[in-house]
Protein backbone atom coordinates (compact mmCIF):
# COMPACT_ATOMS: atom_id res chain seq x y z
CA MET A 1 195.82 103.56 -44.21
CA THR A 2 198.88 102.45 -42.21
CA LEU A 3 196.72 101.25 -39.31
CA TYR A 4 194.46 99.41 -41.74
CA ILE A 5 197.41 97.59 -43.33
CA ILE A 6 198.94 96.70 -39.94
CA ARG A 7 195.61 95.28 -38.76
CA ARG A 8 195.24 93.17 -41.90
CA VAL A 9 198.84 91.92 -41.74
CA PHE A 10 198.33 90.85 -38.13
CA ASN A 11 195.20 88.91 -39.08
CA TYR A 12 196.99 87.21 -41.97
CA ALA A 13 199.98 86.35 -39.77
CA VAL A 14 197.72 84.63 -37.24
CA LEU A 15 196.03 82.68 -40.03
CA THR A 16 199.45 81.69 -41.39
CA LEU A 17 200.49 80.21 -38.04
CA VAL A 18 197.16 78.42 -37.68
CA ALA A 19 197.52 76.92 -41.18
CA ALA A 20 201.07 75.76 -40.41
CA CYS A 21 199.99 74.16 -37.13
CA PHE A 22 197.12 72.32 -38.78
CA ALA A 23 199.48 71.13 -41.50
CA TYR A 24 201.87 69.78 -38.86
CA MET A 25 199.07 67.99 -37.01
CA LEU A 26 197.59 66.48 -40.17
CA ALA A 27 201.03 65.35 -41.34
CA SER A 28 201.69 63.82 -37.90
CA LEU A 29 198.42 61.90 -38.05
CA GLY A 30 198.85 60.65 -41.62
CA LEU A 31 202.60 60.14 -42.07
CA ASP A 32 205.13 57.86 -40.39
CA PRO A 33 208.84 58.71 -40.92
CA ALA A 34 209.86 55.22 -39.75
CA TRP A 35 207.74 53.33 -42.29
CA GLU A 36 210.79 52.30 -44.31
CA TYR A 37 212.34 50.64 -41.28
CA LEU A 38 209.09 48.96 -40.27
CA LEU A 39 208.75 47.30 -43.71
CA ARG A 40 212.14 45.64 -43.56
CA ASN A 41 212.38 41.91 -43.06
CA PRO A 42 213.15 41.53 -40.27
CA PRO A 43 211.84 44.93 -39.12
CA ALA A 44 214.14 47.30 -37.26
CA PRO A 45 214.18 46.89 -33.47
CA PRO A 46 211.87 49.14 -31.43
CA GLU A 47 214.85 50.99 -29.97
CA THR A 48 215.92 52.11 -33.47
CA ILE A 49 212.42 53.27 -34.33
CA GLU A 50 212.19 55.13 -31.04
CA SER A 51 215.49 56.93 -31.66
CA ILE A 52 214.32 57.99 -35.15
CA TYR A 53 211.11 59.44 -33.77
CA ASN A 54 212.93 61.28 -30.98
CA ARG A 55 215.61 62.70 -33.26
CA LEU A 56 212.97 64.05 -35.63
CA GLY A 57 210.77 65.25 -32.76
CA VAL A 58 207.73 63.31 -33.97
CA ASN A 59 207.42 60.57 -31.39
CA PRO A 60 203.77 59.37 -31.54
CA ASP A 61 203.90 58.51 -27.82
CA VAL A 62 204.06 62.24 -27.10
CA PRO A 63 200.60 63.91 -27.24
CA LEU A 64 199.96 65.59 -30.60
CA LEU A 65 199.22 69.01 -29.12
CA GLN A 66 202.46 68.92 -27.14
CA ARG A 67 204.47 68.02 -30.24
CA THR A 68 202.78 70.80 -32.19
CA TRP A 69 203.47 73.34 -29.45
CA THR A 70 207.14 72.28 -29.31
CA TRP A 71 207.44 72.59 -33.09
CA LEU A 72 205.82 76.03 -33.03
CA THR A 73 207.91 77.39 -30.15
CA ASN A 74 211.11 76.15 -31.82
CA ILE A 75 210.32 78.41 -34.77
CA PHE A 76 210.41 81.50 -32.57
CA THR A 77 213.09 80.49 -30.08
CA GLU A 78 215.57 78.66 -32.34
CA GLY A 79 214.42 79.54 -35.86
CA SER A 80 214.18 75.81 -36.50
CA LEU A 81 211.56 73.79 -38.37
CA GLY A 82 213.06 70.46 -37.33
CA LEU A 83 214.97 67.89 -39.36
CA THR A 84 214.12 66.11 -42.59
CA VAL A 85 214.10 62.31 -42.75
CA GLY A 86 217.66 62.65 -44.04
CA TYR A 87 218.53 64.58 -40.84
CA GLN A 88 219.08 67.87 -42.66
CA PRO A 89 217.66 71.11 -41.21
CA VAL A 90 214.36 71.93 -42.91
CA THR A 91 215.15 75.66 -42.77
CA ALA A 92 218.38 75.09 -44.70
CA GLN A 93 216.52 73.13 -47.38
CA ILE A 94 213.92 75.87 -47.67
CA ALA A 95 216.64 78.53 -47.93
CA ILE A 96 218.19 76.64 -50.85
CA ARG A 97 214.96 75.88 -52.67
CA ALA A 98 212.94 79.04 -52.01
CA GLY A 99 214.94 81.14 -54.47
CA VAL A 100 214.36 78.54 -57.18
CA SER A 101 210.59 78.64 -56.76
CA LEU A 102 210.46 82.42 -56.45
CA GLN A 103 212.12 82.77 -59.86
CA LEU A 104 209.07 81.14 -61.40
CA LEU A 105 206.41 82.57 -59.11
CA LEU A 106 207.40 86.22 -59.15
CA VAL A 107 207.85 86.52 -62.90
CA GLY A 108 204.85 84.31 -63.67
CA SER A 109 202.46 86.08 -61.27
CA ILE A 110 203.49 89.66 -62.06
CA VAL A 111 203.69 89.33 -65.84
CA GLY A 112 200.60 87.09 -65.91
CA ALA A 113 198.60 89.65 -63.92
CA ILE A 114 199.68 92.52 -66.18
CA VAL A 115 198.91 90.58 -69.35
CA GLY A 116 195.56 89.40 -67.98
CA VAL A 117 194.47 92.89 -66.93
CA ILE A 118 195.40 94.37 -70.32
CA LEU A 119 193.57 91.62 -72.20
CA GLY A 120 190.55 91.93 -69.92
CA VAL A 121 190.28 95.69 -70.41
CA TRP A 122 190.80 95.30 -74.15
CA GLY A 123 188.10 92.63 -74.36
CA ALA A 124 185.59 94.73 -72.40
CA VAL A 125 186.19 97.86 -74.48
CA ARG A 126 185.85 95.86 -77.71
CA GLN A 127 183.03 93.63 -76.47
CA TYR A 128 181.80 91.00 -78.95
CA ARG A 129 184.21 92.13 -81.64
CA PHE A 130 186.54 89.70 -83.34
CA SER A 131 189.52 90.43 -81.06
CA ASP A 132 187.35 89.97 -77.95
CA ARG A 133 186.05 86.63 -79.21
CA VAL A 134 189.56 85.41 -80.01
CA VAL A 135 190.86 86.35 -76.56
CA THR A 136 187.81 84.74 -74.91
CA ILE A 137 188.19 81.46 -76.79
CA LEU A 138 191.94 81.25 -76.16
CA SER A 139 191.49 82.10 -72.47
CA TYR A 140 188.91 79.39 -71.90
CA LEU A 141 191.07 76.94 -73.84
CA VAL A 142 194.04 77.67 -71.56
CA ILE A 143 191.90 77.49 -68.41
CA ALA A 144 190.47 74.13 -69.49
CA THR A 145 193.91 72.67 -70.25
CA PRO A 146 195.75 71.01 -67.33
CA THR A 147 199.12 72.57 -66.53
CA ILE A 148 200.96 69.33 -67.21
CA VAL A 149 199.39 69.01 -70.68
CA MET A 150 200.22 72.63 -71.50
CA ALA A 151 203.83 72.04 -70.43
CA ILE A 152 204.17 68.94 -72.63
CA VAL A 153 202.71 70.73 -75.66
CA LEU A 154 205.10 73.65 -75.22
CA MET A 155 208.03 71.23 -74.84
CA ILE A 156 207.13 69.73 -78.22
CA VAL A 157 206.85 73.20 -79.76
CA ALA A 158 210.19 74.25 -78.26
CA THR A 159 211.85 71.10 -79.61
CA ASN A 160 210.59 71.85 -83.12
CA VAL A 161 211.75 75.47 -82.82
CA ASN A 162 215.23 74.36 -81.77
CA GLN A 163 215.42 71.90 -84.64
CA ALA A 164 214.29 74.54 -87.14
CA LEU A 165 216.90 77.02 -85.87
CA GLY A 166 219.66 74.44 -85.79
CA PHE A 167 220.76 75.27 -82.25
CA GLN A 168 219.39 75.03 -78.69
CA LEU A 169 217.56 78.32 -78.15
CA ILE A 170 215.11 77.04 -75.50
CA ASN A 171 216.19 74.60 -72.81
CA PHE A 172 213.63 72.89 -70.62
CA SER A 173 215.56 70.42 -68.48
CA GLY A 174 216.87 71.77 -65.19
CA GLN A 175 217.76 75.31 -64.18
CA TYR A 176 221.06 75.52 -66.03
CA SER A 177 223.27 73.60 -68.42
CA PRO A 178 226.47 71.96 -67.16
CA GLY A 179 229.73 73.11 -68.68
CA VAL A 180 228.70 76.71 -69.37
CA ALA A 181 231.58 79.20 -69.32
CA ASP A 182 232.21 80.65 -65.88
CA SER A 183 231.38 84.27 -66.75
CA PHE A 184 228.34 86.49 -66.29
CA TRP A 185 226.73 86.71 -69.72
CA PRO A 186 227.01 83.04 -70.79
CA GLN A 187 225.52 81.95 -67.46
CA PHE A 188 222.87 84.69 -67.60
CA TRP A 189 221.60 83.69 -71.04
CA ASP A 190 221.75 80.02 -70.10
CA ARG A 191 219.51 80.68 -67.08
CA ILE A 192 217.13 82.71 -69.25
CA SER A 193 216.88 79.90 -71.80
CA HIS A 194 215.87 77.49 -69.03
CA LEU A 195 213.46 79.99 -67.48
CA ILE A 196 211.48 80.80 -70.64
CA LEU A 197 209.27 77.74 -70.97
CA PRO A 198 208.11 77.12 -67.34
CA THR A 199 207.58 80.86 -66.84
CA PHE A 200 205.57 81.08 -70.07
CA VAL A 201 203.27 78.29 -68.84
CA LEU A 202 202.60 80.19 -65.60
CA ILE A 203 202.02 83.44 -67.52
CA LEU A 204 199.51 81.72 -69.78
CA ALA A 205 197.64 80.18 -66.85
CA ALA A 206 197.59 83.39 -64.80
CA GLY A 207 196.84 85.67 -67.74
CA ALA A 208 193.88 83.58 -68.87
CA SER A 209 192.23 83.70 -65.43
CA TYR A 210 192.92 87.39 -64.82
CA SER A 211 191.63 88.37 -68.26
CA ARG A 212 188.22 86.77 -67.61
CA TYR A 213 187.74 88.45 -64.24
CA GLN A 214 189.09 91.79 -65.45
CA ARG A 215 186.78 91.75 -68.48
CA ASN A 216 183.71 91.15 -66.31
CA ALA A 217 184.77 93.82 -63.81
CA MET A 218 185.39 96.31 -66.62
CA LEU A 219 182.02 95.62 -68.23
CA ASP A 220 180.33 96.52 -64.94
CA VAL A 221 181.77 100.04 -65.01
CA LEU A 222 181.52 100.87 -68.71
CA GLY A 223 177.95 102.14 -68.32
CA ALA A 224 178.46 103.78 -64.92
CA ASP A 225 177.29 107.35 -64.32
CA TYR A 226 180.78 108.66 -63.56
CA ILE A 227 182.00 107.51 -66.97
CA ARG A 228 179.19 109.42 -68.69
CA THR A 229 179.88 112.44 -66.48
CA ALA A 230 183.56 112.40 -67.42
CA ARG A 231 182.60 112.23 -71.10
CA ALA A 232 180.16 115.10 -70.63
CA LYS A 233 182.96 117.21 -69.14
CA GLY A 234 184.97 116.82 -72.32
CA ARG A 235 187.13 113.78 -71.75
CA THR A 236 187.62 111.39 -74.60
CA ARG A 237 186.26 107.87 -74.27
CA GLY A 238 189.74 106.40 -73.87
CA SER A 239 190.75 108.96 -71.24
CA ALA A 240 187.55 108.46 -69.26
CA LEU A 241 187.94 104.69 -69.31
CA VAL A 242 191.61 104.70 -68.28
CA ARG A 243 191.36 107.42 -65.62
CA HIS A 244 188.05 106.38 -64.04
CA GLY A 245 186.91 103.01 -65.37
CA VAL A 246 190.09 100.95 -65.12
CA ARG A 247 190.85 102.14 -61.59
CA VAL A 248 187.43 101.07 -60.30
CA ALA A 249 187.55 97.79 -62.23
CA LEU A 250 190.92 96.95 -60.66
CA ILE A 251 189.47 96.95 -57.12
CA PRO A 252 187.99 93.42 -57.25
CA MET A 253 191.10 92.23 -59.10
CA SER A 254 193.28 93.10 -56.12
CA THR A 255 191.31 90.63 -54.01
CA PHE A 256 191.31 88.01 -56.75
CA PHE A 257 195.11 88.28 -56.97
CA ALA A 258 195.53 87.12 -53.37
CA TYR A 259 193.24 84.13 -53.72
CA SER A 260 194.58 83.04 -57.11
CA PHE A 261 198.18 83.07 -55.91
CA GLY A 262 197.66 79.76 -54.10
CA THR A 263 196.58 78.15 -57.37
CA LEU A 264 199.65 79.58 -59.05
CA VAL A 265 201.86 78.03 -56.35
CA ALA A 266 200.26 74.63 -56.97
CA GLY A 267 200.84 75.01 -60.71
CA SER A 268 204.49 75.89 -60.17
CA ALA A 269 204.97 72.73 -58.08
CA ILE A 270 203.91 70.60 -61.04
CA LEU A 271 206.14 72.59 -63.37
CA GLU A 272 209.15 72.10 -61.12
CA LEU A 273 208.76 68.34 -61.49
CA MET A 274 208.13 68.59 -65.23
CA PHE A 275 211.14 70.79 -65.96
CA GLY A 276 213.52 69.40 -63.35
CA TRP A 277 213.64 72.48 -61.10
CA HIS A 278 214.64 71.67 -57.52
CA GLY A 279 212.35 74.11 -55.75
CA MET A 280 209.80 74.10 -52.97
CA GLY A 281 207.21 72.27 -55.04
CA GLU A 282 209.53 69.34 -55.57
CA MET A 283 210.43 69.42 -51.88
CA ALA A 284 206.77 69.27 -50.80
CA ILE A 285 205.94 66.37 -53.10
CA GLN A 286 209.04 64.42 -52.05
CA ALA A 287 208.20 65.10 -48.40
CA VAL A 288 204.81 63.43 -48.77
CA ARG A 289 206.37 60.47 -50.58
CA GLN A 290 209.00 60.04 -47.86
CA ASN A 291 206.57 60.54 -44.94
CA ASP A 292 208.60 63.57 -43.87
CA ILE A 293 206.41 65.37 -41.32
CA ASN A 294 208.71 68.34 -40.68
CA SER A 295 209.28 69.01 -44.38
CA VAL A 296 205.55 68.89 -45.12
CA ALA A 297 204.88 71.39 -42.33
CA GLY A 298 207.78 73.60 -43.43
CA SER A 299 206.62 73.59 -47.05
CA THR A 300 203.11 74.52 -45.96
CA LEU A 301 204.47 77.36 -43.86
CA PHE A 302 206.46 78.64 -46.85
CA VAL A 303 203.35 78.64 -49.06
CA ALA A 304 201.31 80.29 -46.30
CA ILE A 305 203.91 83.05 -46.00
CA LEU A 306 203.79 83.61 -49.77
CA ILE A 307 200.01 83.90 -49.63
CA LEU A 308 200.40 86.23 -46.63
CA CYS A 309 202.64 88.49 -48.73
CA SER A 310 200.30 88.38 -51.73
CA SER A 311 197.29 89.11 -49.50
CA THR A 312 199.09 92.07 -47.93
CA LEU A 313 199.98 93.40 -51.37
CA SER A 314 196.35 93.04 -52.47
CA GLU A 315 195.22 94.96 -49.37
CA VAL A 316 197.67 97.76 -50.17
CA LEU A 317 196.39 97.93 -53.74
CA TYR A 318 192.78 97.82 -52.54
CA ALA A 319 193.38 100.69 -50.10
CA ALA A 320 195.18 102.70 -52.77
CA LEU A 321 192.35 102.22 -55.27
CA ASP A 322 189.43 102.64 -52.87
CA PRO A 323 189.88 105.42 -50.23
CA ARG A 324 186.80 104.23 -48.30
CA VAL A 325 188.62 101.22 -46.78
CA ARG A 326 191.30 103.46 -45.22
CA ARG A 327 188.92 104.78 -42.60
């Protein structure tokens, strides 16, 4: 199993570097960090434009492949992803913002996956009953609703809840409130109150998708021979389903987890803008607006690494659930 995991991680690492390089090349072809200076009247002198390009390492007079190779080698030799258009190290910006995004992504993905799997198994076991139909309708309603619309609706609900309670239970602007007492528990509960709403949106989105796939996977194994054999040996229906059915039904879910994580990252980027969280999603969107080539490439590399980690985790789960892939 160890060799299998190492081989898969190596493949994913190569794909991560390829994705980052393509992102850098596409950003270099489509973005121009000096556009602001070129639009001035009168425009900035060519010497100024040239110095901006050289300082950022994105001079278009240098061949694209050479620039990409320099950018890639700097990652390994200097640990540098270049400078932003504000001449700040991209790695420093990522270090500041990565923790913000991971607060949303980790809680949203893990809790959403658990909730989705439970609902999917429940719906398959109680197929076509009232509870299954309710879960199905609500899941499709959530899937069909854009993330931004869901966030706005929940903001309205949270506002009404706060008004009914007479105090601010749920905050949804920024990561924390200014002026909170400088001690652990007040700051802890303040962070939780800001985390509830954006995390809940991610949990809803992830749980709805996982529940549909888990339900279909579970239905495929309900009538399998090994379930009937386990029942014939004296196991109860619930025991046979949990011990044999759920484990087999989770195998395709481990693969789906890796591929759906990218969608979850995109959803969190929108939520960061909606709720005023200064994370990687906000950084990526601002980078495109500001024609910041290095920040776009760095943001893409960050997302690729997250997907690398989720893919590795899915491979570990797949190998643990299905012994055949360990050979």
